N, C-alpha and C. Protein backbone atom coordinates (compact mmCIF):
# COMPACT_ATOMS: atom_id res chain seq x y z
N UNK A 1 0.85 -1.13 0.06
CA UNK A 1 0.06 0.04 -0.06
C UNK A 1 0.89 1.24 0.05
N UNK A 2 0.69 2.05 -0.98
CA UNK A 2 1.51 3.24 -1.01
C UNK A 2 0.79 4.43 -0.41
N UNK A 3 1.63 5.18 0.22
CA UNK A 3 1.01 6.43 0.96
C UNK A 3 2.25 7.30 1.40
N UNK A 4 1.76 8.52 1.94
CA UNK A 4 2.88 9.36 2.41
C UNK A 4 3.33 9.05 3.75
N UNK A 5 2.50 8.20 4.47
CA UNK A 5 2.93 7.78 5.89
C UNK A 5 3.11 6.27 5.95
N UNK A 6 4.15 5.86 6.10
CA UNK A 6 4.58 4.33 6.16
C UNK A 6 3.82 3.80 7.49
N UNK A 7 3.64 2.53 7.60
CA UNK A 7 3.13 1.89 8.67
C UNK A 7 4.18 1.93 9.74
N UNK A 8 3.63 2.20 11.05
CA UNK A 8 4.61 2.21 12.16
C UNK A 8 4.44 1.07 13.13
N UNK A 9 4.43 -0.09 12.49
CA UNK A 9 4.16 -1.35 13.33
C UNK A 9 5.62 -1.92 13.74
N UNK A 10 5.83 -2.53 14.78
CA UNK A 10 7.02 -3.18 15.18
C UNK A 10 7.38 -4.45 14.30
N UNK A 11 8.40 -5.05 14.61
CA UNK A 11 8.76 -6.35 13.87
C UNK A 11 7.70 -7.35 13.96
N UNK A 12 7.07 -7.78 12.89
CA UNK A 12 6.20 -8.90 12.79
C UNK A 12 6.51 -9.68 11.59
N UNK A 13 6.19 -11.10 11.58
CA UNK A 13 6.38 -11.78 10.38
C UNK A 13 5.07 -12.04 9.62
N UNK A 14 5.07 -11.87 8.32
CA UNK A 14 3.85 -12.05 7.53
C UNK A 14 3.52 -13.55 7.40
N UNK A 15 2.19 -13.80 7.30
CA UNK A 15 1.75 -15.16 7.06
C UNK A 15 0.94 -15.29 5.84
N UNK A 16 0.70 -14.15 5.18
CA UNK A 16 -0.12 -14.16 3.90
C UNK A 16 0.55 -15.02 2.86
N UNK A 17 -0.08 -15.51 1.93
CA UNK A 17 0.65 -16.34 0.93
C UNK A 17 1.69 -15.57 -0.04
N UNK A 18 1.42 -14.25 -0.16
CA UNK A 18 2.38 -13.57 -1.01
C UNK A 18 3.69 -13.34 -0.29
N UNK A 19 3.61 -12.96 0.86
CA UNK A 19 4.85 -12.56 1.59
C UNK A 19 5.12 -13.53 2.77
N UNK A 20 4.75 -14.72 2.73
CA UNK A 20 4.92 -15.63 3.89
C UNK A 20 6.38 -15.70 4.43
N UNK A 21 6.52 -15.45 5.76
CA UNK A 21 7.80 -15.58 6.22
C UNK A 21 8.64 -14.40 6.27
N UNK A 22 8.30 -13.39 5.55
CA UNK A 22 8.98 -12.10 5.39
C UNK A 22 8.71 -11.20 6.54
N UNK A 23 9.65 -10.75 7.24
CA UNK A 23 9.40 -9.81 8.31
C UNK A 23 9.01 -8.40 7.72
N UNK A 24 8.15 -7.76 8.48
CA UNK A 24 7.71 -6.46 8.10
C UNK A 24 7.11 -6.21 6.72
N UNK A 25 6.49 -7.34 6.13
CA UNK A 25 5.90 -7.14 4.89
C UNK A 25 4.42 -7.68 5.13
N UNK A 26 3.84 -7.02 6.06
CA UNK A 26 2.36 -7.44 6.40
C UNK A 26 1.38 -7.02 5.40
N UNK A 27 0.32 -7.69 5.26
CA UNK A 27 -0.78 -7.30 4.39
C UNK A 27 -1.59 -6.27 5.30
N UNK A 28 -2.56 -5.62 4.64
CA UNK A 28 -3.29 -4.62 5.36
C UNK A 28 -4.11 -5.37 6.53
N UNK A 29 -4.71 -6.52 6.29
CA UNK A 29 -5.39 -7.15 7.32
C UNK A 29 -4.55 -7.64 8.38
N UNK A 30 -3.37 -8.05 8.05
CA UNK A 30 -2.42 -8.44 9.23
C UNK A 30 -1.96 -7.32 10.04
N UNK A 31 -1.71 -6.11 9.35
CA UNK A 31 -1.39 -4.97 10.09
C UNK A 31 -2.51 -4.52 10.98
N UNK A 32 -3.71 -4.58 10.39
CA UNK A 32 -4.87 -4.04 11.24
C UNK A 32 -5.18 -5.03 12.37
N UNK A 33 -5.02 -6.27 12.23
CA UNK A 33 -5.21 -7.30 13.22
C UNK A 33 -4.19 -7.21 14.36
N UNK A 34 -2.86 -6.92 13.92
CA UNK A 34 -1.74 -6.73 14.89
C UNK A 34 -2.09 -5.50 15.76
N UNK A 35 -2.60 -4.49 15.14
CA UNK A 35 -2.87 -3.25 15.86
C UNK A 35 -4.02 -3.51 16.89
N UNK A 36 -5.02 -4.31 16.43
CA UNK A 36 -6.12 -4.67 17.36
C UNK A 36 -5.57 -5.53 18.52
N UNK A 37 -4.73 -6.35 18.30
CA UNK A 37 -4.17 -7.21 19.25
C UNK A 37 -3.36 -6.47 20.32
N UNK A 38 -2.36 -5.64 19.82
CA UNK A 38 -1.61 -4.89 20.63
C UNK A 38 -2.38 -3.88 21.51
N UNK A 39 -3.46 -3.33 20.98
CA UNK A 39 -4.28 -2.29 21.75
C UNK A 39 -5.20 -3.01 22.61
N UNK A 40 -5.35 -4.36 22.65
CA UNK A 40 -6.22 -5.05 23.58
C UNK A 40 -7.50 -5.65 22.95
N UNK A 41 -7.62 -5.50 21.74
CA UNK A 41 -8.87 -6.08 21.05
C UNK A 41 -8.56 -7.37 20.24
N UNK A 42 -7.99 -8.32 20.94
CA UNK A 42 -7.52 -9.57 20.24
C UNK A 42 -8.71 -10.30 19.62
N UNK A 43 -9.90 -10.32 20.29
CA UNK A 43 -11.02 -11.10 19.70
C UNK A 43 -11.41 -10.45 18.41
N UNK A 44 -11.40 -9.19 18.25
CA UNK A 44 -11.90 -8.61 16.98
C UNK A 44 -10.87 -8.88 16.01
N UNK A 45 -9.52 -8.82 16.26
CA UNK A 45 -8.50 -9.25 15.36
C UNK A 45 -8.71 -10.67 14.91
N UNK A 46 -9.07 -11.59 15.78
CA UNK A 46 -9.23 -12.91 15.44
C UNK A 46 -10.48 -13.07 14.45
N UNK A 47 -11.52 -12.28 14.73
CA UNK A 47 -12.71 -12.40 13.78
C UNK A 47 -12.35 -11.87 12.42
N UNK A 48 -11.50 -10.92 12.38
CA UNK A 48 -11.04 -10.25 11.17
C UNK A 48 -10.19 -11.29 10.33
N UNK A 49 -9.21 -11.98 11.12
CA UNK A 49 -8.36 -12.91 10.40
C UNK A 49 -9.05 -14.19 10.03
N UNK A 50 -10.17 -14.51 10.62
CA UNK A 50 -10.83 -15.82 10.24
C UNK A 50 -11.45 -15.74 8.94
N UNK A 51 -11.51 -14.66 8.20
CA UNK A 51 -11.98 -14.62 6.86
C UNK A 51 -11.03 -15.21 5.91
N UNK A 52 -9.81 -15.40 6.27
CA UNK A 52 -8.72 -15.86 5.43
C UNK A 52 -8.27 -17.25 5.88
N UNK A 53 -7.90 -18.13 4.90
CA UNK A 53 -7.45 -19.50 5.35
C UNK A 53 -6.14 -19.34 6.21
N UNK A 54 -5.39 -18.52 5.92
CA UNK A 54 -4.13 -18.32 6.61
C UNK A 54 -4.19 -17.52 7.78
N UNK A 55 -5.32 -16.83 7.97
CA UNK A 55 -5.45 -15.79 9.05
C UNK A 55 -5.08 -16.27 10.47
N UNK A 56 -5.83 -17.37 10.99
CA UNK A 56 -5.43 -17.67 12.29
C UNK A 56 -4.02 -18.04 12.59
N UNK A 57 -3.20 -18.29 11.61
CA UNK A 57 -1.91 -18.65 11.76
C UNK A 57 -0.96 -17.37 12.01
N UNK A 58 -1.48 -16.21 11.80
CA UNK A 58 -0.77 -14.99 11.96
C UNK A 58 -0.56 -14.78 13.53
N UNK A 59 -1.63 -15.06 14.26
CA UNK A 59 -1.50 -14.79 15.76
C UNK A 59 -0.57 -15.93 16.37
N UNK A 60 -0.73 -17.18 15.84
CA UNK A 60 0.16 -18.18 16.28
C UNK A 60 1.51 -18.05 16.02
N UNK A 61 1.90 -17.58 14.80
CA UNK A 61 3.27 -17.28 14.52
C UNK A 61 3.90 -16.23 15.24
N UNK A 62 3.20 -15.19 15.46
CA UNK A 62 3.54 -13.90 16.01
C UNK A 62 3.15 -13.75 17.57
N UNK A 63 2.73 -14.77 18.20
CA UNK A 63 2.07 -14.61 19.55
C UNK A 63 3.08 -14.07 20.45
N UNK A 64 4.32 -14.59 20.55
CA UNK A 64 5.34 -14.12 21.51
C UNK A 64 5.56 -12.65 21.35
N UNK A 65 5.70 -12.23 20.21
CA UNK A 65 5.93 -10.73 19.86
C UNK A 65 4.73 -10.02 20.26
N UNK A 66 3.60 -10.38 19.73
CA UNK A 66 2.41 -9.60 20.01
C UNK A 66 2.06 -9.44 21.49
N UNK A 67 2.29 -10.56 22.27
CA UNK A 67 2.03 -10.43 23.74
C UNK A 67 3.11 -9.45 24.37
N UNK A 68 4.36 -9.61 23.96
CA UNK A 68 5.33 -8.67 24.43
C UNK A 68 4.98 -7.17 24.03
N UNK A 69 4.57 -6.84 22.96
CA UNK A 69 4.24 -5.60 22.52
C UNK A 69 2.98 -5.10 23.26
N UNK A 70 2.01 -5.98 23.53
CA UNK A 70 0.79 -5.68 24.22
C UNK A 70 0.99 -5.26 25.67
N UNK A 71 2.12 -5.80 26.21
CA UNK A 71 2.40 -5.56 27.64
C UNK A 71 3.21 -4.28 27.81
N UNK A 72 3.66 -3.56 26.67
CA UNK A 72 4.39 -2.42 26.74
C UNK A 72 3.47 -1.16 27.03
N UNK A 73 4.05 -0.15 27.76
CA UNK A 73 3.28 0.99 28.17
C UNK A 73 3.40 2.14 27.12
N UNK A 74 4.47 2.21 26.46
CA UNK A 74 4.75 3.34 25.59
C UNK A 74 5.49 2.83 24.35
N UNK A 75 5.64 3.82 23.33
CA UNK A 75 6.35 3.34 22.16
C UNK A 75 7.77 3.00 22.49
N UNK A 76 8.52 3.59 23.38
CA UNK A 76 9.95 3.35 23.75
C UNK A 76 10.02 1.94 24.31
N UNK A 77 9.13 1.43 24.95
CA UNK A 77 9.11 0.09 25.45
C UNK A 77 8.89 -0.92 24.30
N UNK A 78 8.04 -0.61 23.41
CA UNK A 78 7.77 -1.49 22.20
C UNK A 78 9.14 -1.57 21.39
N UNK A 79 9.79 -0.43 21.23
CA UNK A 79 11.12 -0.50 20.49
C UNK A 79 12.15 -1.29 21.29
N UNK A 80 12.15 -1.14 22.59
CA UNK A 80 13.07 -1.97 23.38
C UNK A 80 12.78 -3.48 23.28
N UNK A 81 11.46 -3.79 23.35
CA UNK A 81 11.03 -5.11 23.25
C UNK A 81 11.41 -5.77 21.83
N UNK A 82 11.17 -5.01 20.83
CA UNK A 82 11.52 -5.31 19.52
C UNK A 82 13.04 -5.59 19.34
N UNK A 83 13.85 -4.74 19.87
CA UNK A 83 15.29 -4.83 19.74
C UNK A 83 15.82 -6.10 20.59
N UNK A 84 15.19 -6.34 21.62
CA UNK A 84 15.56 -7.45 22.35
C UNK A 84 15.23 -8.75 21.67
N UNK A 85 14.10 -8.87 20.96
CA UNK A 85 13.82 -9.92 20.16
C UNK A 85 14.64 -10.19 19.00
N UNK A 86 15.02 -9.03 18.40
CA UNK A 86 15.99 -9.24 17.23
C UNK A 86 17.31 -9.61 17.66
N UNK A 87 17.71 -9.18 18.85
CA UNK A 87 19.12 -9.72 19.34
C UNK A 87 18.96 -11.17 19.65
N UNK A 88 17.82 -11.66 20.24
CA UNK A 88 17.69 -13.06 20.46
C UNK A 88 17.63 -13.88 19.05
N UNK A 89 17.08 -13.41 18.03
CA UNK A 89 17.00 -13.98 16.72
C UNK A 89 18.48 -14.10 16.15
N UNK A 90 19.15 -12.97 16.32
CA UNK A 90 20.58 -12.81 15.72
C UNK A 90 21.48 -13.90 16.51
N UNK A 91 21.29 -13.93 17.77
CA UNK A 91 22.11 -15.05 18.54
C UNK A 91 21.84 -16.41 18.10
N UNK A 92 20.65 -16.74 17.88
CA UNK A 92 20.17 -18.03 17.41
C UNK A 92 20.76 -18.40 16.06
N UNK A 93 20.73 -17.34 15.27
CA UNK A 93 21.31 -17.45 13.86
C UNK A 93 22.71 -17.69 13.91
N UNK A 94 23.51 -17.01 14.89
CA UNK A 94 24.94 -17.17 15.02
C UNK A 94 25.21 -18.56 15.45
N UNK A 95 24.42 -19.08 16.38
CA UNK A 95 24.76 -20.38 16.91
C UNK A 95 24.47 -21.42 15.84
N UNK A 96 23.51 -21.25 14.99
CA UNK A 96 23.16 -22.09 13.85
C UNK A 96 24.35 -22.12 12.83
N UNK A 97 24.80 -20.88 12.63
CA UNK A 97 25.89 -20.74 11.68
C UNK A 97 27.27 -21.37 12.10
N UNK A 98 27.40 -21.42 13.44
CA UNK A 98 28.63 -22.04 14.04
C UNK A 98 28.78 -23.55 13.90
N UNK A 99 27.66 -24.21 13.54
CA UNK A 99 27.66 -25.60 13.39
C UNK A 99 28.47 -26.03 12.17
N UNK A 100 29.29 -26.96 12.25
CA UNK A 100 30.16 -27.48 11.18
C UNK A 100 29.26 -28.36 10.37
N UNK A 101 29.08 -27.94 9.06
CA UNK A 101 28.21 -28.65 8.17
C UNK A 101 28.91 -30.00 7.78
N UNK A 102 30.13 -30.19 7.89
CA UNK A 102 30.87 -31.41 7.58
C UNK A 102 31.26 -32.12 8.82
N UNK A 103 30.35 -32.33 9.78
CA UNK A 103 30.69 -32.99 11.05
C UNK A 103 30.80 -34.39 10.80
N UNK A 104 31.98 -35.01 11.13
CA UNK A 104 32.16 -36.44 10.72
C UNK A 104 31.30 -37.30 11.63
N UNK A 105 30.84 -36.84 12.75
CA UNK A 105 29.87 -37.78 13.39
C UNK A 105 28.59 -37.83 12.79
N UNK A 106 28.23 -37.15 11.83
CA UNK A 106 26.92 -37.15 11.16
C UNK A 106 27.23 -37.72 9.76
N UNK A 107 28.29 -38.45 9.54
CA UNK A 107 28.62 -38.96 8.28
C UNK A 107 27.61 -39.78 7.51
N UNK A 108 26.85 -40.61 8.34
CA UNK A 108 25.76 -41.55 7.62
C UNK A 108 24.43 -40.88 7.72
N UNK A 109 24.32 -39.78 8.23
CA UNK A 109 22.96 -39.08 8.33
C UNK A 109 22.64 -38.41 7.07
N UNK A 110 21.39 -38.69 6.61
CA UNK A 110 21.04 -38.09 5.42
C UNK A 110 19.75 -37.23 5.73
N UNK A 111 19.82 -35.87 5.75
CA UNK A 111 18.63 -35.06 6.06
C UNK A 111 17.51 -35.11 5.17
N UNK A 112 17.63 -35.71 3.90
CA UNK A 112 16.53 -35.84 2.97
C UNK A 112 15.77 -37.06 3.20
N UNK A 113 16.14 -37.92 4.16
CA UNK A 113 15.35 -39.19 4.41
C UNK A 113 14.63 -38.88 5.70
N UNK A 114 13.38 -39.30 5.72
CA UNK A 114 12.58 -39.23 6.93
C UNK A 114 12.84 -40.43 7.81
N UNK A 115 12.95 -40.24 9.13
CA UNK A 115 13.29 -41.33 10.02
C UNK A 115 12.00 -42.07 10.42
N UNK A 116 10.90 -41.46 10.10
CA UNK A 116 9.60 -42.09 10.58
C UNK A 116 8.94 -42.77 9.39
N UNK A 117 9.52 -42.97 8.32
CA UNK A 117 8.97 -43.64 7.20
C UNK A 117 8.84 -45.15 7.49
N UNK A 118 7.71 -45.72 7.08
CA UNK A 118 7.57 -47.03 7.49
C UNK A 118 8.43 -48.06 6.66
N UNK A 119 8.94 -47.65 5.50
CA UNK A 119 9.65 -48.48 4.69
C UNK A 119 11.17 -48.41 5.20
N UNK A 120 11.56 -47.56 6.11
CA UNK A 120 12.88 -47.47 6.54
C UNK A 120 13.06 -48.23 7.99
N UNK A 121 12.04 -48.67 8.48
CA UNK A 121 12.16 -49.33 9.77
C UNK A 121 12.67 -50.81 9.65
N UNK A 122 13.30 -51.25 10.75
CA UNK A 122 13.92 -52.68 10.71
C UNK A 122 12.85 -53.73 10.69
N UNK A 123 11.67 -53.43 11.06
CA UNK A 123 10.53 -54.43 11.05
C UNK A 123 10.11 -54.79 9.68
N UNK A 124 10.45 -54.11 8.62
CA UNK A 124 10.17 -54.50 7.25
C UNK A 124 11.30 -55.41 6.71
N UNK A 125 12.36 -55.59 7.40
CA UNK A 125 13.44 -56.35 6.94
C UNK A 125 13.29 -57.65 7.57
N UNK A 126 13.06 -58.77 6.76
CA UNK A 126 12.80 -60.14 7.30
C UNK A 126 14.07 -60.86 7.31
N UNK A 127 14.56 -61.39 8.40
CA UNK A 127 15.77 -62.22 8.55
C UNK A 127 15.44 -63.76 8.40
N UNK A 128 14.12 -64.07 8.75
CA UNK A 128 13.76 -65.39 8.67
C UNK A 128 12.49 -65.60 7.91
N UNK A 129 12.32 -66.80 7.37
CA UNK A 129 11.01 -67.02 6.65
C UNK A 129 10.29 -68.11 7.36
N UNK A 130 8.96 -68.23 7.19
CA UNK A 130 8.14 -69.17 7.80
C UNK A 130 7.68 -70.06 6.69
N UNK A 131 8.03 -71.43 6.84
CA UNK A 131 7.51 -72.33 5.80
C UNK A 131 6.06 -72.86 6.13
N UNK A 132 5.62 -73.63 5.27
CA UNK A 132 4.21 -74.14 5.37
C UNK A 132 3.89 -74.78 6.63
N UNK A 133 4.78 -75.36 7.35
CA UNK A 133 4.46 -76.04 8.58
C UNK A 133 4.43 -75.11 9.75
N UNK A 134 4.86 -73.77 9.52
CA UNK A 134 4.87 -72.79 10.60
C UNK A 134 6.10 -72.65 11.30
N UNK A 135 7.10 -73.46 11.01
CA UNK A 135 8.36 -73.31 11.80
C UNK A 135 9.25 -72.31 11.12
N UNK A 136 10.10 -71.63 11.88
CA UNK A 136 11.04 -70.62 11.44
C UNK A 136 12.17 -71.28 10.80
N UNK A 137 12.68 -70.86 9.72
CA UNK A 137 13.88 -71.42 8.93
C UNK A 137 14.65 -70.17 8.40
N UNK A 138 15.91 -70.10 8.86
CA UNK A 138 16.69 -68.94 8.34
C UNK A 138 17.13 -69.22 6.92
N UNK A 139 17.18 -68.17 6.15
CA UNK A 139 17.54 -68.30 4.78
C UNK A 139 19.11 -68.17 4.65
N UNK A 140 19.66 -68.92 3.85
CA UNK A 140 21.05 -68.88 3.51
C UNK A 140 21.29 -67.94 2.33
N UNK A 141 22.18 -66.94 2.52
CA UNK A 141 22.51 -66.15 1.34
C UNK A 141 23.49 -66.69 0.37
N UNK A 142 24.23 -67.76 1.01
CA UNK A 142 25.28 -68.40 0.17
C UNK A 142 24.63 -69.22 -1.01
N UNK A 143 23.39 -69.76 -0.82
CA UNK A 143 22.75 -70.62 -1.85
C UNK A 143 22.11 -69.77 -2.85
N UNK A 144 21.97 -68.46 -2.63
CA UNK A 144 21.11 -67.61 -3.51
C UNK A 144 21.89 -67.35 -4.83
N UNK A 145 21.35 -67.86 -5.89
CA UNK A 145 21.95 -67.64 -7.17
C UNK A 145 21.20 -66.69 -8.01
N UNK A 146 20.23 -65.99 -7.46
CA UNK A 146 19.46 -64.88 -8.21
C UNK A 146 18.43 -65.44 -9.16
N UNK A 147 18.12 -66.76 -9.10
CA UNK A 147 16.91 -67.24 -9.94
C UNK A 147 15.67 -67.07 -9.21
N UNK A 148 14.75 -66.27 -9.69
CA UNK A 148 13.37 -65.99 -9.04
C UNK A 148 12.43 -66.28 -10.19
N UNK A 149 11.26 -66.75 -9.62
CA UNK A 149 10.16 -66.72 -10.56
C UNK A 149 9.57 -65.31 -10.58
N UNK A 150 8.66 -64.97 -11.48
CA UNK A 150 8.22 -63.62 -11.61
C UNK A 150 7.48 -63.14 -10.33
N UNK A 151 6.84 -63.97 -9.56
CA UNK A 151 6.15 -63.57 -8.45
C UNK A 151 7.02 -63.48 -7.18
N UNK A 152 8.13 -64.18 -7.32
CA UNK A 152 9.11 -64.16 -6.12
C UNK A 152 10.16 -63.04 -6.26
N UNK A 153 10.24 -62.37 -7.36
CA UNK A 153 11.34 -61.46 -7.69
C UNK A 153 11.13 -60.30 -6.74
N UNK A 154 12.28 -59.80 -6.08
CA UNK A 154 12.14 -58.54 -5.39
C UNK A 154 11.61 -57.37 -6.15
N UNK A 155 11.92 -57.32 -7.39
CA UNK A 155 11.43 -56.23 -8.19
C UNK A 155 9.91 -56.37 -8.33
N UNK A 156 9.48 -57.60 -8.50
CA UNK A 156 8.02 -57.77 -8.67
C UNK A 156 7.24 -57.30 -7.48
N UNK A 157 7.72 -57.52 -6.32
CA UNK A 157 7.08 -57.08 -4.95
C UNK A 157 7.12 -55.58 -4.83
N UNK A 158 8.06 -55.02 -5.49
CA UNK A 158 8.21 -53.48 -5.40
C UNK A 158 7.20 -52.88 -6.35
N UNK A 159 6.94 -53.48 -7.46
CA UNK A 159 5.96 -52.91 -8.46
C UNK A 159 4.64 -52.76 -7.89
N UNK A 160 3.95 -51.73 -8.33
CA UNK A 160 2.56 -51.55 -7.78
C UNK A 160 1.62 -52.52 -8.70
N UNK A 161 0.39 -52.63 -8.19
CA UNK A 161 -0.60 -53.49 -8.95
C UNK A 161 -0.84 -52.99 -10.33
N UNK A 162 -0.70 -51.54 -10.49
CA UNK A 162 -0.99 -51.05 -11.83
C UNK A 162 0.04 -51.47 -12.76
N UNK A 163 1.33 -51.40 -12.38
CA UNK A 163 2.43 -51.77 -13.30
C UNK A 163 2.40 -53.29 -13.59
N UNK A 164 1.83 -54.07 -12.53
CA UNK A 164 1.80 -55.48 -12.69
C UNK A 164 0.81 -55.90 -13.81
N UNK A 165 -0.26 -55.11 -13.83
CA UNK A 165 -1.34 -55.39 -14.96
C UNK A 165 -0.71 -55.12 -16.32
N UNK A 166 0.17 -54.26 -16.42
CA UNK A 166 0.71 -54.05 -17.72
C UNK A 166 2.09 -54.78 -18.02
N UNK A 167 2.46 -55.68 -17.15
CA UNK A 167 3.73 -56.41 -17.31
C UNK A 167 3.75 -57.26 -18.63
N UNK A 168 2.46 -57.68 -19.02
CA UNK A 168 2.56 -58.44 -20.33
C UNK A 168 3.12 -57.70 -21.55
N UNK A 169 3.07 -56.40 -21.39
CA UNK A 169 3.68 -55.71 -22.54
C UNK A 169 5.20 -55.81 -22.63
N UNK A 170 5.89 -56.13 -21.39
CA UNK A 170 7.30 -56.28 -21.49
C UNK A 170 7.64 -57.58 -22.18
N UNK A 171 6.84 -58.63 -22.20
CA UNK A 171 7.21 -59.90 -22.77
C UNK A 171 6.67 -60.11 -24.18
N UNK A 172 5.74 -59.24 -24.63
CA UNK A 172 5.19 -59.41 -25.95
C UNK A 172 6.16 -58.94 -26.98
N UNK A 173 6.29 -59.77 -27.93
CA UNK A 173 7.15 -59.41 -29.12
C UNK A 173 6.38 -58.79 -30.16
N UNK A 174 6.90 -57.73 -30.71
CA UNK A 174 6.20 -56.94 -31.78
C UNK A 174 6.58 -57.35 -33.19
């Protein structure tokens, strides 16, 4: 919004889809709701933000700051509170930057893999098989020569039912 007088709101983070996560880039409704929250009309600000999908998240994301600003008595206190929060953020950023990205203790850790994925758990790896009589019998990897029927193939179990229905195309000669 262009005008002769810029907004005089303290540091807050935008939640709107256009400027999500950008500090001090609030939409008009976010600025108005923040003003209502700081001046003691939190309920009215919530009603205003409920009109948008992302609206309720604005108070959740900025709750710590908004509460600190609402407890201030004058604009000087708001600026002190804002500066204290910015120093806290800067310290957290410095601590994060001090971490060695090539830490040898994290050599086998892959941040792109989720640790809670069901296919990564040890329960999916079977060390023993159950024969028809119900007794457990360990498999010998030494005797494995790689001969599988189509249904026993590890690749076959990996394929989805949709690709299995079209497997005849692989064997058809044209």
